[in-house]
């Protein structure tokens, strides 16, 4: 998602769900990763992370850790071609203003079950 959806443009990772599966959350690792970027704020105070075009690998790391922690949120891209919502319930929804744009997401990520994508 960090490279396929962004088209090498900026993207916002906006977390909306946490503290749901407390046993799977690694807060220490999350805050160490965040601190490595010079950001000491709490997730409650700053749930969004803006990644510049050259930071796709950084987005991938934050996204992976968020999913491993059982969190949910959005990947909102500057390209606004296709965006994504990932849930703490272990599914990802892709959305776009133009439904034809979802064909590319289907090619990369597979065909969704009924009622998804």
N, C-alpha and C. Protein backbone atom coordinates (compact mmCIF):
# COMPACT_ATOMS: atom_id res chain seq x y z
N UNK A 1 0.82 -1.20 0.00
CA UNK A 1 0.00 0.00 0.00
C UNK A 1 0.86 1.25 0.00
N UNK A 2 2.01 1.18 0.66
CA UNK A 2 2.86 2.38 0.79
C UNK A 2 3.43 2.84 -0.54
N UNK A 3 3.58 1.93 -1.49
CA UNK A 3 4.13 2.33 -2.78
C UNK A 3 3.09 2.28 -3.89
N UNK A 4 2.17 1.33 -3.84
CA UNK A 4 1.20 1.17 -4.92
C UNK A 4 0.13 2.26 -4.93
N UNK A 5 -0.26 2.73 -3.76
CA UNK A 5 -1.33 3.73 -3.71
C UNK A 5 -0.83 5.17 -3.82
N UNK A 6 0.42 5.40 -3.46
CA UNK A 6 0.89 6.78 -3.33
C UNK A 6 1.38 7.40 -4.63
N UNK A 7 1.74 6.58 -5.61
CA UNK A 7 2.29 7.09 -6.86
C UNK A 7 3.45 8.06 -6.62
N UNK A 8 4.25 7.71 -5.62
CA UNK A 8 5.43 8.50 -5.23
C UNK A 8 5.09 9.95 -4.92
N UNK A 9 3.91 10.13 -4.31
CA UNK A 9 3.50 11.44 -3.82
C UNK A 9 3.30 11.34 -2.31
N UNK A 10 3.06 12.45 -1.67
CA UNK A 10 2.85 12.48 -0.23
C UNK A 10 1.60 11.67 0.15
N UNK A 11 1.62 11.17 1.38
CA UNK A 11 0.47 10.41 1.89
C UNK A 11 0.33 10.66 3.38
N UNK A 12 -0.89 10.62 3.84
CA UNK A 12 -1.19 10.79 5.26
C UNK A 12 -1.66 9.46 5.82
N UNK A 13 -0.98 9.00 6.86
CA UNK A 13 -1.45 7.86 7.64
C UNK A 13 -2.18 8.46 8.83
N UNK A 14 -3.49 8.25 8.88
CA UNK A 14 -4.32 8.83 9.94
C UNK A 14 -4.94 7.70 10.74
N UNK A 15 -4.47 7.52 11.97
CA UNK A 15 -4.94 6.44 12.82
C UNK A 15 -6.21 6.87 13.55
N UNK A 16 -7.20 5.99 13.53
CA UNK A 16 -8.48 6.29 14.15
C UNK A 16 -8.89 5.25 15.20
N UNK A 17 -8.22 4.10 15.22
CA UNK A 17 -8.57 3.02 16.13
C UNK A 17 -7.31 2.51 16.84
N UNK A 18 -7.33 2.53 18.14
CA UNK A 18 -6.27 1.91 18.94
C UNK A 18 -6.85 1.60 20.31
N UNK A 19 -6.10 0.92 21.13
CA UNK A 19 -6.58 0.49 22.46
C UNK A 19 -7.75 -0.49 22.37
N UNK A 20 -7.85 -1.22 21.28
CA UNK A 20 -8.92 -2.19 21.12
C UNK A 20 -8.42 -3.59 21.50
N UNK A 21 -7.25 -3.95 21.02
CA UNK A 21 -6.62 -5.23 21.33
C UNK A 21 -5.37 -4.95 22.15
N UNK A 22 -5.54 -4.57 23.39
CA UNK A 22 -4.43 -4.13 24.23
C UNK A 22 -3.31 -5.15 24.31
N UNK A 23 -3.63 -6.42 24.27
CA UNK A 23 -2.60 -7.46 24.37
C UNK A 23 -1.68 -7.54 23.17
N UNK A 24 -2.09 -6.96 22.05
CA UNK A 24 -1.25 -7.04 20.84
C UNK A 24 -0.51 -5.74 20.54
N UNK A 25 -0.70 -4.73 21.35
CA UNK A 25 -0.09 -3.42 21.08
C UNK A 25 1.32 -3.34 21.65
N UNK A 26 2.22 -2.85 20.84
CA UNK A 26 3.60 -2.62 21.28
C UNK A 26 3.82 -1.10 21.28
N UNK A 27 3.39 -0.45 22.34
CA UNK A 27 3.50 1.00 22.44
C UNK A 27 4.95 1.44 22.47
N UNK A 28 5.81 0.68 23.13
CA UNK A 28 7.23 1.03 23.22
C UNK A 28 7.83 1.14 21.82
N UNK A 29 7.59 0.15 20.99
CA UNK A 29 8.14 0.17 19.63
C UNK A 29 7.55 1.32 18.83
N UNK A 30 6.24 1.54 18.96
CA UNK A 30 5.61 2.65 18.24
C UNK A 30 6.24 3.98 18.61
N UNK A 31 6.38 4.24 19.91
CA UNK A 31 6.93 5.53 20.33
C UNK A 31 8.41 5.64 20.01
N UNK A 32 9.15 4.56 20.03
CA UNK A 32 10.56 4.61 19.62
C UNK A 32 10.66 4.95 18.13
N UNK A 33 9.80 4.35 17.33
CA UNK A 33 9.80 4.66 15.90
C UNK A 33 9.43 6.12 15.69
N UNK A 34 8.42 6.58 16.38
CA UNK A 34 8.00 7.97 16.24
C UNK A 34 9.10 8.93 16.70
N UNK A 35 9.76 8.58 17.83
CA UNK A 35 10.84 9.43 18.34
C UNK A 35 12.03 9.48 17.38
N UNK A 36 12.22 8.43 16.60
CA UNK A 36 13.34 8.43 15.66
C UNK A 36 13.16 9.50 14.57
N UNK A 37 11.95 10.02 14.45
CA UNK A 37 11.66 11.11 13.53
C UNK A 37 11.58 12.45 14.25
N UNK A 38 11.97 12.45 15.53
CA UNK A 38 11.98 13.69 16.31
C UNK A 38 10.61 14.09 16.82
N UNK A 39 9.67 13.16 16.81
CA UNK A 39 8.31 13.45 17.25
C UNK A 39 8.05 12.76 18.58
N UNK A 40 7.86 13.53 19.64
CA UNK A 40 7.64 12.99 20.97
C UNK A 40 6.18 13.09 21.42
N UNK A 41 5.29 13.43 20.51
CA UNK A 41 3.88 13.59 20.88
C UNK A 41 3.20 12.23 21.07
N UNK A 42 2.15 12.25 21.87
CA UNK A 42 1.35 11.05 22.08
C UNK A 42 0.43 10.82 20.89
N UNK A 43 0.06 9.58 20.67
CA UNK A 43 -0.85 9.25 19.57
C UNK A 43 -2.18 9.98 19.73
N UNK A 44 -2.66 10.09 20.96
CA UNK A 44 -3.91 10.83 21.20
C UNK A 44 -3.82 12.28 20.74
N UNK A 45 -2.65 12.88 20.86
CA UNK A 45 -2.46 14.29 20.50
C UNK A 45 -2.18 14.49 19.01
N UNK A 46 -1.60 13.50 18.37
CA UNK A 46 -1.22 13.62 16.96
C UNK A 46 -1.40 12.28 16.26
N UNK A 47 -2.64 11.94 15.88
CA UNK A 47 -2.88 10.63 15.27
C UNK A 47 -2.51 10.54 13.79
N UNK A 48 -2.09 11.65 13.20
CA UNK A 48 -1.73 11.66 11.79
C UNK A 48 -0.23 11.73 11.59
N UNK A 49 0.21 11.06 10.54
CA UNK A 49 1.62 11.07 10.15
C UNK A 49 1.68 11.41 8.66
N UNK A 50 2.31 12.52 8.31
CA UNK A 50 2.44 12.90 6.91
C UNK A 50 3.78 12.40 6.38
N UNK A 51 3.73 11.67 5.28
CA UNK A 51 4.94 11.13 4.67
C UNK A 51 5.14 11.79 3.31
N UNK A 52 6.34 12.28 3.09
CA UNK A 52 6.69 12.94 1.84
C UNK A 52 6.94 11.88 0.75
N UNK A 53 7.00 12.30 -0.50
CA UNK A 53 7.14 11.33 -1.59
C UNK A 53 8.32 10.35 -1.43
N UNK A 54 9.43 10.81 -0.88
CA UNK A 54 10.60 9.94 -0.75
C UNK A 54 10.56 9.08 0.52
N UNK A 55 9.48 9.13 1.27
CA UNK A 55 9.38 8.40 2.54
C UNK A 55 8.42 7.21 2.48
N UNK A 56 8.32 6.58 1.32
CA UNK A 56 7.40 5.43 1.18
C UNK A 56 7.79 4.29 2.11
N UNK A 57 9.07 4.05 2.29
CA UNK A 57 9.51 2.99 3.20
C UNK A 57 9.14 3.32 4.65
N UNK A 58 9.20 4.58 5.00
CA UNK A 58 8.78 5.02 6.34
C UNK A 58 7.29 4.78 6.53
N UNK A 59 6.50 5.14 5.53
CA UNK A 59 5.07 4.88 5.57
C UNK A 59 4.81 3.39 5.75
N UNK A 60 5.55 2.56 5.01
CA UNK A 60 5.38 1.11 5.11
C UNK A 60 5.66 0.63 6.53
N UNK A 61 6.69 1.17 7.18
CA UNK A 61 7.04 0.76 8.54
C UNK A 61 5.95 1.15 9.53
N UNK A 62 5.48 2.38 9.45
CA UNK A 62 4.41 2.83 10.35
C UNK A 62 3.12 2.06 10.09
N UNK A 63 2.82 1.80 8.84
CA UNK A 63 1.62 1.06 8.49
C UNK A 63 1.69 -0.38 9.00
N UNK A 64 2.83 -1.02 8.80
CA UNK A 64 3.00 -2.38 9.29
C UNK A 64 2.86 -2.46 10.81
N UNK A 65 3.52 -1.56 11.50
CA UNK A 65 3.44 -1.56 12.96
C UNK A 65 2.00 -1.28 13.42
N UNK A 66 1.32 -0.38 12.75
CA UNK A 66 -0.07 -0.09 13.10
C UNK A 66 -0.95 -1.33 12.95
N UNK A 67 -0.76 -2.05 11.86
CA UNK A 67 -1.56 -3.25 11.64
C UNK A 67 -1.19 -4.35 12.63
N UNK A 68 0.09 -4.51 12.92
CA UNK A 68 0.51 -5.51 13.91
C UNK A 68 -0.03 -5.18 15.30
N UNK A 69 -0.18 -3.90 15.58
CA UNK A 69 -0.73 -3.47 16.87
C UNK A 69 -2.25 -3.64 16.94
N UNK A 70 -2.86 -4.02 15.83
CA UNK A 70 -4.32 -4.18 15.82
C UNK A 70 -5.06 -2.86 15.77
N UNK A 71 -4.44 -1.87 15.16
CA UNK A 71 -5.05 -0.55 15.05
C UNK A 71 -5.76 -0.41 13.70
N UNK A 72 -6.47 0.67 13.54
CA UNK A 72 -7.12 0.96 12.28
C UNK A 72 -6.94 2.41 11.91
N UNK A 73 -7.15 2.70 10.63
CA UNK A 73 -7.02 4.08 10.17
C UNK A 73 -7.07 4.17 8.66
N UNK A 74 -6.61 5.27 8.17
CA UNK A 74 -6.67 5.58 6.74
C UNK A 74 -5.29 5.84 6.16
N UNK A 75 -5.13 5.48 4.91
CA UNK A 75 -4.01 5.94 4.09
C UNK A 75 -4.64 6.84 3.04
N UNK A 76 -4.40 8.14 3.18
CA UNK A 76 -4.98 9.14 2.29
C UNK A 76 -3.85 9.72 1.45
N UNK A 77 -3.98 9.58 0.15
CA UNK A 77 -2.88 9.94 -0.74
C UNK A 77 -3.09 11.29 -1.40
N UNK A 78 -1.99 11.96 -1.66
CA UNK A 78 -2.06 13.23 -2.37
C UNK A 78 -2.62 13.01 -3.77
N UNK A 79 -2.29 11.89 -4.39
CA UNK A 79 -2.79 11.58 -5.72
C UNK A 79 -4.32 11.43 -5.71
N UNK A 80 -4.87 10.98 -4.58
CA UNK A 80 -6.31 10.77 -4.41
C UNK A 80 -6.89 9.88 -5.51
N UNK A 81 -6.05 8.99 -6.03
CA UNK A 81 -6.48 8.05 -7.06
C UNK A 81 -7.26 6.91 -6.40
N UNK A 82 -6.62 6.28 -5.41
CA UNK A 82 -7.25 5.28 -4.56
C UNK A 82 -6.73 5.50 -3.15
N UNK A 83 -7.61 5.46 -2.17
CA UNK A 83 -7.24 5.58 -0.77
C UNK A 83 -7.67 4.30 -0.05
N UNK A 84 -7.28 4.15 1.19
CA UNK A 84 -7.57 2.91 1.89
C UNK A 84 -7.94 3.15 3.35
N UNK A 85 -8.78 2.27 3.85
CA UNK A 85 -9.08 2.19 5.28
C UNK A 85 -8.69 0.78 5.72
N UNK A 86 -7.91 0.68 6.78
CA UNK A 86 -7.58 -0.62 7.35
C UNK A 86 -8.17 -0.68 8.75
N UNK A 87 -8.76 -1.82 9.06
CA UNK A 87 -9.50 -1.96 10.31
C UNK A 87 -8.76 -2.83 11.32
N UNK A 88 -9.05 -2.57 12.58
CA UNK A 88 -8.54 -3.44 13.64
C UNK A 88 -9.14 -4.85 13.51
N UNK A 89 -10.20 -5.00 12.74
CA UNK A 89 -10.82 -6.30 12.50
C UNK A 89 -10.19 -7.04 11.32
N UNK A 90 -9.03 -6.58 10.90
CA UNK A 90 -8.19 -7.27 9.91
C UNK A 90 -8.78 -7.30 8.50
N UNK A 91 -9.30 -6.19 8.05
CA UNK A 91 -9.67 -6.05 6.64
C UNK A 91 -9.25 -4.67 6.17
N UNK A 92 -9.15 -4.54 4.85
CA UNK A 92 -8.79 -3.27 4.23
C UNK A 92 -9.85 -2.96 3.19
N UNK A 93 -10.36 -1.74 3.22
CA UNK A 93 -11.29 -1.25 2.21
C UNK A 93 -10.57 -0.20 1.38
N UNK A 94 -10.70 -0.30 0.07
CA UNK A 94 -10.16 0.70 -0.83
C UNK A 94 -11.32 1.53 -1.34
N UNK A 95 -11.08 2.82 -1.50
CA UNK A 95 -12.15 3.68 -2.00
C UNK A 95 -11.57 4.73 -2.94
N UNK A 96 -12.40 5.14 -3.88
CA UNK A 96 -11.99 6.12 -4.89
C UNK A 96 -13.22 6.86 -5.40
N UNK A 97 -13.01 8.08 -5.87
CA UNK A 97 -14.12 8.83 -6.45
C UNK A 97 -14.56 8.19 -7.76
N UNK A 98 -13.61 7.67 -8.51
CA UNK A 98 -13.89 7.00 -9.78
C UNK A 98 -13.74 5.49 -9.55
N UNK A 99 -14.83 4.74 -9.65
CA UNK A 99 -14.79 3.31 -9.35
C UNK A 99 -13.84 2.54 -10.27
N UNK A 100 -13.57 3.07 -11.46
CA UNK A 100 -12.62 2.40 -12.36
C UNK A 100 -11.21 2.37 -11.77
N UNK A 101 -10.90 3.33 -10.92
CA UNK A 101 -9.58 3.35 -10.29
C UNK A 101 -9.37 2.13 -9.39
N UNK A 102 -10.44 1.55 -8.90
CA UNK A 102 -10.33 0.39 -8.02
C UNK A 102 -9.84 -0.85 -8.76
N UNK A 103 -9.94 -0.85 -10.09
CA UNK A 103 -9.43 -1.99 -10.86
C UNK A 103 -7.94 -2.20 -10.63
N UNK A 104 -7.18 -1.12 -10.52
CA UNK A 104 -5.75 -1.25 -10.25
C UNK A 104 -5.52 -1.86 -8.87
N UNK A 105 -6.30 -1.45 -7.89
CA UNK A 105 -6.17 -2.02 -6.54
C UNK A 105 -6.51 -3.50 -6.57
N UNK A 106 -7.51 -3.88 -7.34
CA UNK A 106 -7.87 -5.30 -7.44
C UNK A 106 -6.74 -6.12 -8.06
N UNK A 107 -6.08 -5.55 -9.06
CA UNK A 107 -4.96 -6.25 -9.70
C UNK A 107 -3.82 -6.47 -8.72
N UNK A 108 -3.52 -5.47 -7.94
CA UNK A 108 -2.38 -5.55 -7.01
C UNK A 108 -2.72 -6.36 -5.77
N UNK A 109 -3.89 -6.13 -5.20
CA UNK A 109 -4.23 -6.71 -3.90
C UNK A 109 -5.19 -7.89 -3.98
N UNK A 110 -5.71 -8.19 -5.16
CA UNK A 110 -6.63 -9.32 -5.30
C UNK A 110 -8.07 -8.86 -5.30
N UNK A 111 -8.94 -9.76 -5.69
CA UNK A 111 -10.37 -9.47 -5.74
C UNK A 111 -10.95 -9.60 -4.34
N UNK A 112 -11.71 -8.61 -3.91
CA UNK A 112 -12.27 -8.64 -2.54
C UNK A 112 -13.47 -9.59 -2.46
N UNK A 113 -13.81 -10.00 -1.25
CA UNK A 113 -15.05 -10.74 -1.08
C UNK A 113 -16.24 -9.85 -1.41
N UNK A 114 -17.41 -10.43 -1.55
CA UNK A 114 -18.61 -9.64 -1.84
C UNK A 114 -18.77 -8.53 -0.81
N UNK A 115 -19.27 -7.40 -1.25
CA UNK A 115 -19.54 -6.23 -0.41
C UNK A 115 -18.26 -5.50 0.00
N UNK A 116 -17.13 -5.78 -0.54
CA UNK A 116 -15.89 -5.09 -0.21
C UNK A 116 -15.33 -4.45 -1.46
N UNK A 117 -14.56 -3.38 -1.26
CA UNK A 117 -13.85 -2.63 -2.29
C UNK A 117 -14.86 -1.92 -3.13
